[in-house]
Amino acid sequence: QVQLVESGGGLVQTGGSLTLSCAASGRTFSSSPMGWFRQAPGKERQFVAAITWSAVNYADSVKGRFTISRHNAKNTLYLHMNSLKPEDTAVYYCAARSTGWDIFLLWDEYDYWGQGTQVTVSS
């Protein structure tokens, strides 16, 4: 059974940093497209960042502040978040595809999801 488990969320002040982790089990995702999405209260789930074996992509709102990376040996995806803003407050979800080589920007293009981790940025 495939599981994605996020961790690392929490409360941070404006301008602070957090690193989210997503530990995968049940299969290896080292060459699979993976991504991060977020959902704020009352809003739709939105794309944050994605990674393939050869490329990364970011939403404009986080470009230059967030970095997506993966540790293949640990089967773990990361999201390093710097210069956090109150508008970054949301539940963050990691996602993975079982196949494919491209960057995927839509949440319903992914096959597996984590349970989410809350990030709250205070002003």
N, C-alpha and C. Protein backbone atom coordinates (compact mmCIF):
# COMPACT_ATOMS: atom_id res chain seq x y z
N GLN A 1 0.85 -1.19 0.00
CA GLN A 1 0.00 0.00 0.00
C GLN A 1 0.88 1.25 0.00
N VAL A 2 0.61 2.15 -0.94
CA VAL A 2 1.40 3.37 -1.05
C VAL A 2 0.93 4.38 -0.01
N GLN A 3 1.88 4.98 0.66
CA GLN A 3 1.57 6.03 1.62
C GLN A 3 2.53 7.20 1.44
N LEU A 4 1.99 8.40 1.53
CA LEU A 4 2.78 9.62 1.56
C LEU A 4 2.46 10.31 2.88
N VAL A 5 3.48 10.60 3.66
CA VAL A 5 3.28 11.20 4.97
C VAL A 5 4.08 12.49 5.06
N GLU A 6 3.35 13.61 5.16
CA GLU A 6 3.99 14.92 5.29
C GLU A 6 4.32 15.22 6.74
N SER A 7 5.33 16.02 6.93
CA SER A 7 5.69 16.52 8.26
C SER A 7 6.44 17.83 8.09
N GLY A 8 6.61 18.54 9.21
CA GLY A 8 7.40 19.76 9.18
C GLY A 8 6.60 21.04 9.22
N GLY A 9 5.29 20.93 9.16
CA GLY A 9 4.48 22.14 9.24
C GLY A 9 4.51 22.73 10.64
N GLY A 10 3.96 23.93 10.77
CA GLY A 10 3.92 24.58 12.07
C GLY A 10 3.60 26.04 11.96
N LEU A 11 3.82 26.75 13.04
CA LEU A 11 3.57 28.18 13.13
C LEU A 11 4.89 28.92 13.02
N VAL A 12 4.94 29.91 12.15
CA VAL A 12 6.16 30.67 11.95
C VAL A 12 5.80 32.14 11.71
N GLN A 13 6.69 33.03 12.05
CA GLN A 13 6.45 34.45 11.83
C GLN A 13 6.76 34.82 10.38
N THR A 14 6.19 35.92 9.95
CA THR A 14 6.48 36.46 8.62
C THR A 14 7.99 36.61 8.45
N GLY A 15 8.47 36.14 7.31
CA GLY A 15 9.90 36.19 7.02
C GLY A 15 10.66 34.96 7.45
N GLY A 16 9.99 34.08 8.17
CA GLY A 16 10.64 32.87 8.66
C GLY A 16 10.73 31.78 7.62
N SER A 17 11.24 30.63 8.05
CA SER A 17 11.47 29.50 7.16
C SER A 17 10.93 28.22 7.76
N LEU A 18 10.54 27.33 6.88
CA LEU A 18 10.13 25.97 7.27
C LEU A 18 10.56 25.03 6.16
N THR A 19 10.80 23.78 6.53
CA THR A 19 11.04 22.75 5.54
C THR A 19 10.04 21.62 5.76
N LEU A 20 9.26 21.36 4.74
CA LEU A 20 8.31 20.26 4.77
C LEU A 20 8.95 19.01 4.18
N SER A 21 8.60 17.87 4.74
CA SER A 21 9.07 16.59 4.23
C SER A 21 7.87 15.72 3.86
N CYS A 22 8.05 14.87 2.89
CA CYS A 22 7.02 13.92 2.48
C CYS A 22 7.70 12.57 2.29
N ALA A 23 7.48 11.68 3.25
CA ALA A 23 8.10 10.36 3.20
C ALA A 23 7.16 9.38 2.49
N ALA A 24 7.68 8.75 1.46
CA ALA A 24 6.88 7.80 0.69
C ALA A 24 7.22 6.37 1.08
N SER A 25 6.23 5.53 1.06
CA SER A 25 6.43 4.11 1.32
C SER A 25 5.48 3.30 0.43
N GLY A 26 5.81 2.06 0.24
CA GLY A 26 4.97 1.20 -0.58
C GLY A 26 5.46 1.05 -2.01
N ARG A 27 6.19 2.03 -2.50
CA ARG A 27 6.83 1.97 -3.79
C ARG A 27 7.87 3.08 -3.88
N THR A 28 8.73 3.00 -4.87
CA THR A 28 9.77 4.01 -5.05
C THR A 28 9.32 5.06 -6.03
N PHE A 29 9.54 6.34 -5.66
CA PHE A 29 9.14 7.45 -6.52
C PHE A 29 10.34 8.24 -7.04
N SER A 30 11.52 7.65 -7.03
CA SER A 30 12.73 8.38 -7.36
C SER A 30 12.71 8.96 -8.76
N SER A 31 12.02 8.34 -9.69
CA SER A 31 11.98 8.85 -11.06
C SER A 31 10.58 9.31 -11.45
N SER A 32 9.69 9.38 -10.50
CA SER A 32 8.30 9.75 -10.79
C SER A 32 8.07 11.23 -10.55
N PRO A 33 7.16 11.83 -11.28
CA PRO A 33 6.78 13.21 -11.00
C PRO A 33 6.13 13.32 -9.62
N MET A 34 6.56 14.32 -8.89
CA MET A 34 5.98 14.59 -7.58
C MET A 34 5.74 16.08 -7.45
N GLY A 35 4.90 16.44 -6.50
CA GLY A 35 4.59 17.85 -6.37
C GLY A 35 4.08 18.21 -4.99
N TRP A 36 3.99 19.50 -4.78
CA TRP A 36 3.39 20.08 -3.58
C TRP A 36 2.23 20.97 -3.99
N PHE A 37 1.14 20.86 -3.25
CA PHE A 37 -0.03 21.71 -3.42
C PHE A 37 -0.41 22.27 -2.06
N ARG A 38 -1.22 23.30 -2.07
CA ARG A 38 -1.70 23.84 -0.81
C ARG A 38 -3.14 24.28 -0.93
N GLN A 39 -3.82 24.29 0.20
CA GLN A 39 -5.22 24.70 0.22
C GLN A 39 -5.47 25.53 1.46
N ALA A 40 -5.85 26.78 1.24
CA ALA A 40 -6.22 27.68 2.32
C ALA A 40 -7.72 27.55 2.57
N PRO A 41 -8.18 27.92 3.76
CA PRO A 41 -9.61 27.81 4.07
C PRO A 41 -10.47 28.57 3.06
N GLY A 42 -11.47 27.90 2.55
CA GLY A 42 -12.38 28.53 1.62
C GLY A 42 -11.86 28.69 0.20
N LYS A 43 -10.67 28.16 -0.05
CA LYS A 43 -10.07 28.29 -1.38
C LYS A 43 -9.81 26.92 -1.98
N GLU A 44 -9.63 26.92 -3.30
CA GLU A 44 -9.33 25.67 -3.99
C GLU A 44 -7.87 25.27 -3.77
N ARG A 45 -7.63 23.99 -3.92
CA ARG A 45 -6.26 23.50 -3.83
C ARG A 45 -5.46 24.06 -5.00
N GLN A 46 -4.27 24.59 -4.71
CA GLN A 46 -3.47 25.22 -5.76
C GLN A 46 -2.07 24.62 -5.83
N PHE A 47 -1.55 24.66 -7.02
CA PHE A 47 -0.20 24.16 -7.29
C PHE A 47 0.84 25.04 -6.61
N VAL A 48 1.85 24.40 -6.03
CA VAL A 48 2.96 25.13 -5.41
C VAL A 48 4.26 24.84 -6.16
N ALA A 49 4.60 23.57 -6.30
CA ALA A 49 5.87 23.20 -6.94
C ALA A 49 5.80 21.76 -7.40
N ALA A 50 6.60 21.44 -8.41
CA ALA A 50 6.64 20.08 -8.93
C ALA A 50 8.06 19.74 -9.35
N ILE A 51 8.35 18.45 -9.37
CA ILE A 51 9.69 17.99 -9.73
C ILE A 51 9.58 16.69 -10.53
N THR A 52 10.45 16.60 -11.54
CA THR A 52 10.63 15.35 -12.26
C THR A 52 12.09 14.96 -12.13
N TRP A 53 12.52 13.97 -12.86
CA TRP A 53 13.92 13.54 -12.77
C TRP A 53 14.85 14.59 -13.34
N SER A 54 14.30 15.54 -14.16
CA SER A 54 15.18 16.49 -14.83
C SER A 54 14.74 17.94 -14.73
N ALA A 55 13.64 18.22 -14.07
CA ALA A 55 13.13 19.58 -14.07
C ALA A 55 12.35 19.88 -12.80
N VAL A 56 12.23 21.18 -12.52
CA VAL A 56 11.37 21.66 -11.44
C VAL A 56 10.53 22.79 -11.98
N ASN A 57 9.43 23.05 -11.29
CA ASN A 57 8.53 24.14 -11.68
C ASN A 57 7.88 24.70 -10.44
N TYR A 58 7.66 26.00 -10.42
CA TYR A 58 7.09 26.67 -9.26
C TYR A 58 5.93 27.57 -9.65
N ALA A 59 4.99 27.71 -8.76
CA ALA A 59 3.97 28.73 -8.94
C ALA A 59 4.65 30.10 -8.83
N ASP A 60 4.13 31.08 -9.55
CA ASP A 60 4.73 32.41 -9.53
C ASP A 60 4.77 32.99 -8.12
N SER A 61 3.77 32.64 -7.32
CA SER A 61 3.66 33.23 -5.98
C SER A 61 4.76 32.75 -5.02
N VAL A 62 5.43 31.65 -5.36
CA VAL A 62 6.47 31.13 -4.46
C VAL A 62 7.85 31.11 -5.11
N LYS A 63 7.92 31.47 -6.38
CA LYS A 63 9.18 31.44 -7.10
C LYS A 63 10.20 32.34 -6.42
N GLY A 64 11.41 31.82 -6.22
CA GLY A 64 12.46 32.58 -5.56
C GLY A 64 12.45 32.45 -4.05
N ARG A 65 11.37 31.89 -3.48
CA ARG A 65 11.28 31.73 -2.03
C ARG A 65 11.24 30.27 -1.62
N PHE A 66 10.63 29.42 -2.43
CA PHE A 66 10.49 28.00 -2.13
C PHE A 66 11.40 27.19 -3.05
N THR A 67 11.87 26.07 -2.52
CA THR A 67 12.68 25.13 -3.30
C THR A 67 12.19 23.71 -3.07
N ILE A 68 11.89 23.02 -4.17
CA ILE A 68 11.48 21.63 -4.08
C ILE A 68 12.70 20.75 -4.36
N SER A 69 12.82 19.67 -3.60
CA SER A 69 13.94 18.75 -3.82
C SER A 69 13.51 17.36 -3.38
N ARG A 70 14.33 16.38 -3.71
CA ARG A 70 14.02 15.01 -3.32
C ARG A 70 15.31 14.27 -2.96
N HIS A 71 15.17 13.34 -2.04
CA HIS A 71 16.29 12.48 -1.66
C HIS A 71 15.88 11.07 -2.07
N ASN A 72 16.40 10.61 -3.18
CA ASN A 72 15.94 9.35 -3.74
C ASN A 72 16.20 8.16 -2.83
N ALA A 73 17.36 8.14 -2.18
CA ALA A 73 17.68 7.02 -1.31
C ALA A 73 16.72 6.92 -0.13
N LYS A 74 16.21 8.08 0.30
CA LYS A 74 15.26 8.10 1.41
C LYS A 74 13.81 8.06 0.92
N ASN A 75 13.63 8.12 -0.41
CA ASN A 75 12.27 8.13 -0.98
C ASN A 75 11.44 9.26 -0.36
N THR A 76 12.07 10.43 -0.27
CA THR A 76 11.47 11.57 0.43
C THR A 76 11.52 12.82 -0.43
N LEU A 77 10.42 13.55 -0.41
CA LEU A 77 10.29 14.82 -1.11
C LEU A 77 10.33 15.94 -0.09
N TYR A 78 10.93 17.07 -0.46
CA TYR A 78 11.04 18.21 0.45
C TYR A 78 10.50 19.48 -0.19
N LEU A 79 10.10 20.40 0.66
CA LEU A 79 9.77 21.75 0.22
C LEU A 79 10.40 22.71 1.22
N HIS A 80 11.45 23.39 0.78
CA HIS A 80 12.12 24.35 1.62
C HIS A 80 11.48 25.71 1.37
N MET A 81 10.94 26.30 2.42
CA MET A 81 10.18 27.54 2.30
C MET A 81 10.88 28.65 3.08
N ASN A 82 11.25 29.70 2.37
CA ASN A 82 11.90 30.87 2.98
C ASN A 82 11.04 32.11 2.77
N SER A 83 11.34 33.15 3.52
CA SER A 83 10.65 34.43 3.39
C SER A 83 9.14 34.23 3.39
N LEU A 84 8.67 33.48 4.34
CA LEU A 84 7.25 33.15 4.39
C LEU A 84 6.39 34.37 4.65
N LYS A 85 5.20 34.35 4.03
CA LYS A 85 4.24 35.44 4.14
C LYS A 85 2.93 34.90 4.70
N PRO A 86 2.11 35.78 5.28
CA PRO A 86 0.82 35.31 5.80
C PRO A 86 -0.02 34.61 4.73
N GLU A 87 0.09 35.04 3.48
CA GLU A 87 -0.68 34.42 2.42
C GLU A 87 -0.19 33.02 2.06
N ASP A 88 0.91 32.57 2.64
CA ASP A 88 1.36 31.20 2.47
C ASP A 88 0.66 30.25 3.43
N THR A 89 -0.13 30.80 4.34
CA THR A 89 -0.85 29.96 5.31
C THR A 89 -1.83 29.04 4.59
N ALA A 90 -1.70 27.74 4.85
CA ALA A 90 -2.52 26.74 4.17
C ALA A 90 -2.16 25.36 4.70
N VAL A 91 -2.96 24.39 4.30
CA VAL A 91 -2.56 22.98 4.47
C VAL A 91 -1.79 22.59 3.23
N TYR A 92 -0.61 22.05 3.42
CA TYR A 92 0.26 21.66 2.31
C TYR A 92 0.20 20.15 2.12
N TYR A 93 0.03 19.76 0.86
CA TYR A 93 -0.09 18.35 0.51
C TYR A 93 1.01 17.96 -0.48
N CYS A 94 1.60 16.79 -0.29
CA CYS A 94 2.48 16.28 -1.32
C CYS A 94 1.70 15.28 -2.17
N ALA A 95 2.15 15.11 -3.39
CA ALA A 95 1.47 14.25 -4.34
C ALA A 95 2.49 13.55 -5.21
N ALA A 96 2.12 12.39 -5.72
CA ALA A 96 3.02 11.61 -6.57
C ALA A 96 2.23 10.92 -7.66
N ARG A 97 2.90 10.76 -8.79
CA ARG A 97 2.32 10.02 -9.90
C ARG A 97 3.02 8.67 -10.02
N SER A 98 2.28 7.69 -10.49
CA SER A 98 2.88 6.37 -10.67
C SER A 98 3.61 6.26 -12.00
N THR A 99 3.30 7.15 -12.94
CA THR A 99 3.94 7.12 -14.25
C THR A 99 4.16 8.54 -14.74
N GLY A 100 4.95 8.66 -15.81
CA GLY A 100 5.11 9.96 -16.44
C GLY A 100 6.49 10.53 -16.26
N TRP A 101 6.81 11.50 -17.14
CA TRP A 101 8.13 12.12 -17.12
C TRP A 101 8.05 13.64 -17.06
N ASP A 102 6.83 14.18 -17.23
CA ASP A 102 6.67 15.63 -17.34
C ASP A 102 6.36 16.27 -16.00
N ILE A 103 6.32 17.58 -16.02
CA ILE A 103 5.83 18.36 -14.89
C ILE A 103 4.30 18.37 -14.95
N PHE A 104 3.65 18.11 -13.86
CA PHE A 104 2.19 18.12 -13.79
C PHE A 104 1.74 19.19 -12.80
N LEU A 105 0.84 20.05 -13.24
CA LEU A 105 0.44 21.22 -12.46
C LEU A 105 -0.94 21.10 -11.83
N LEU A 106 -1.71 20.09 -12.21
CA LEU A 106 -3.07 19.97 -11.72
C LEU A 106 -3.15 18.85 -10.68
N TRP A 107 -3.87 19.13 -9.60
CA TRP A 107 -3.88 18.16 -8.50
C TRP A 107 -4.52 16.85 -8.92
N ASP A 108 -5.46 16.88 -9.86
CA ASP A 108 -6.12 15.63 -10.23
C ASP A 108 -5.33 14.81 -11.25
N GLU A 109 -4.14 15.28 -11.60
CA GLU A 109 -3.25 14.50 -12.45
C GLU A 109 -2.36 13.56 -11.63
N TYR A 110 -2.43 13.67 -10.33
CA TYR A 110 -1.61 12.85 -9.45
C TYR A 110 -2.40 11.66 -8.91
N ASP A 111 -1.67 10.57 -8.65
CA ASP A 111 -2.30 9.33 -8.23
C ASP A 111 -2.34 9.15 -6.72
N TYR A 112 -1.38 9.73 -6.03
CA TYR A 112 -1.27 9.51 -4.58
C TYR A 112 -1.14 10.85 -3.86
N TRP A 113 -1.74 10.90 -2.68
CA TRP A 113 -1.74 12.12 -1.88
C TRP A 113 -1.41 11.82 -0.44
N GLY A 114 -0.75 12.79 0.22
CA GLY A 114 -0.56 12.71 1.65
C GLY A 114 -1.75 13.29 2.37
N GLN A 115 -1.69 13.27 3.69
CA GLN A 115 -2.83 13.74 4.50
C GLN A 115 -2.77 15.24 4.74
N GLY A 116 -1.64 15.85 4.44
CA GLY A 116 -1.50 17.29 4.60
C GLY A 116 -0.84 17.68 5.91
N THR A 117 -0.18 18.83 5.88
CA THR A 117 0.43 19.40 7.08
C THR A 117 0.15 20.90 7.09
N GLN A 118 -0.24 21.41 8.24
CA GLN A 118 -0.65 22.81 8.36
C GLN A 118 0.57 23.72 8.48
N VAL A 119 0.57 24.76 7.68
CA VAL A 119 1.56 25.83 7.78
C VAL A 119 0.81 27.12 8.08
N THR A 120 1.18 27.77 9.16
CA THR A 120 0.55 29.03 9.55
C THR A 120 1.63 30.08 9.70
N VAL A 121 1.48 31.18 8.97
CA VAL A 121 2.44 32.28 9.02
C VAL A 121 1.75 33.47 9.67
N SER A 122 2.28 33.89 10.79
CA SER A 122 1.69 35.00 11.52
C SER A 122 2.30 36.32 11.07
N SER A 123 1.47 37.35 11.09
CA SER A 123 1.94 38.67 10.65
C SER A 123 2.51 39.48 11.81
